[in-house]
Structure formats: structure tokens, C-alpha cells
Protein backbone atom coordinates (compact mmCIF):
# COMPACT_ATOMS: atom_id res chain seq x y z
CA UNK A 1 -19.21 -22.15 -4.37
CA UNK A 2 -20.91 -19.95 -6.93
CA UNK A 3 -20.75 -20.25 -10.71
CA UNK A 4 -18.05 -17.57 -11.07
CA UNK A 5 -15.68 -19.41 -8.76
CA UNK A 6 -15.87 -22.66 -10.72
CA UNK A 7 -14.56 -20.94 -13.88
CA UNK A 8 -11.70 -19.05 -12.27
CA UNK A 9 -8.01 -19.84 -12.10
CA UNK A 10 -5.96 -20.36 -8.99
CA UNK A 11 -4.37 -16.94 -9.54
CA UNK A 12 -7.76 -15.23 -9.79
CA UNK A 13 -8.97 -16.90 -6.60
CA UNK A 14 -5.80 -15.91 -4.77
CA UNK A 15 -6.13 -12.30 -5.95
CA UNK A 16 -9.73 -12.23 -4.70
CA UNK A 17 -8.59 -13.60 -1.33
CA UNK A 18 -6.09 -10.75 -1.11
CA UNK A 19 -8.83 -8.22 -1.93
CA UNK A 20 -11.03 -9.69 0.80
CA UNK A 21 -8.19 -9.53 3.33
CA UNK A 22 -7.67 -5.85 2.57
CA UNK A 23 -11.38 -5.16 3.00
CA UNK A 24 -11.52 -7.06 6.29
CA UNK A 25 -8.57 -5.05 7.62
CA UNK A 26 -10.78 -1.96 7.37
CA UNK A 27 -12.39 -1.68 10.79
CA UNK A 28 -15.29 0.27 9.28
CA UNK A 29 -16.60 -2.70 7.28
CA UNK A 30 -20.12 -3.55 8.48
CA UNK A 31 -20.50 -6.86 10.30
CA UNK A 32 -22.93 -8.27 7.73
CA UNK A 33 -20.39 -7.56 4.96
CA UNK A 34 -17.63 -9.12 7.09
CA UNK A 35 -19.62 -12.35 7.42
CA UNK A 36 -20.40 -12.41 3.69
CA UNK A 37 -16.72 -11.93 2.83
CA UNK A 38 -15.67 -14.52 5.41
CA UNK A 39 -17.91 -17.14 3.79
CA UNK A 40 -16.62 -16.24 0.32
CA UNK A 41 -13.02 -16.43 1.54
CA UNK A 42 -13.57 -19.92 2.98
CA UNK A 43 -14.95 -21.12 -0.38
CA UNK A 44 -11.94 -19.57 -2.12
CA UNK A 45 -9.56 -21.17 0.37
CA UNK A 46 -11.03 -24.63 -0.30
CA UNK A 47 -10.84 -24.01 -4.06
CA UNK A 48 -7.17 -22.97 -3.84
CA UNK A 49 -6.26 -25.90 -1.60
CA UNK A 50 -7.91 -28.37 -3.98
CA UNK A 51 -6.04 -26.81 -6.92
CA UNK A 52 -2.72 -27.04 -5.07
CA UNK A 53 -3.40 -30.64 -4.09
CA UNK A 54 -4.09 -31.55 -7.72
CA UNK A 55 -0.93 -29.74 -8.87
CA UNK A 56 1.09 -31.63 -6.31
CA UNK A 57 -0.05 -34.91 -7.80
CA UNK A 58 1.13 -33.82 -11.24
CA UNK A 59 4.57 -32.60 -10.23
CA UNK A 60 7.60 -34.81 -10.72
CA UNK A 61 11.07 -33.91 -9.55
CA UNK A 62 14.15 -34.65 -11.55
CA UNK A 63 17.00 -36.18 -9.61
CA UNK A 64 20.48 -37.20 -10.68
CA UNK A 65 21.20 -40.84 -10.08
CA UNK A 66 24.63 -42.32 -9.30
CA UNK A 67 25.48 -42.52 -13.01
CA UNK A 68 24.75 -38.81 -13.50
CA UNK A 69 21.52 -39.39 -15.41
CA UNK A 70 18.31 -37.57 -14.56
CA UNK A 71 15.30 -39.61 -13.49
CA UNK A 72 11.82 -38.70 -12.34
CA UNK A 73 11.17 -38.85 -8.65
CA UNK A 74 7.70 -38.70 -7.16
CA UNK A 75 6.75 -35.50 -5.32
CA UNK A 76 6.45 -37.11 -1.89
CA UNK A 77 9.56 -39.27 -1.98
CA UNK A 78 13.03 -37.95 -1.09
């Protein structure tokens, strides 16, 4: 991952992935450019997945208990 990708937000990385997808949909894109964009998109995918995984660990759900009070529930528990 290059220096620019380490300073970007999840939203910026996702927007760049969308730009790459649009470019790859153009059948006139040269093969060398396709491979370059493919590699960049894989780095962006890993970055986004790692961000989402870290967000998941921080999220807590509120649930009403039998007494009607709200309590925190871990993300993975139902």
C-alpha cells in the first residue's frame, strides 16, 4: 500500500474503488493499465476490510432487557 492510501479514510478508499470499477468497465482500457488498477483495487479492498473489521469491534448494540432498560450487547452476540 502506498503512502497516500495510509492517510485516507474509508470513504475515500471506497470512492477510489468505484472510480477503478468504472475505468475497468471501459473495454478500451489497455491491459497494462488494467493490471495496475487491479493491484491498486486489491490494496484498497484490504484497507477497507481492515477498517470495517476494526469498526465492528467498536460497535455495541443497545438492547432492551426484561425490565425495559437498555443495556449494551456485544456486536457478535444475539
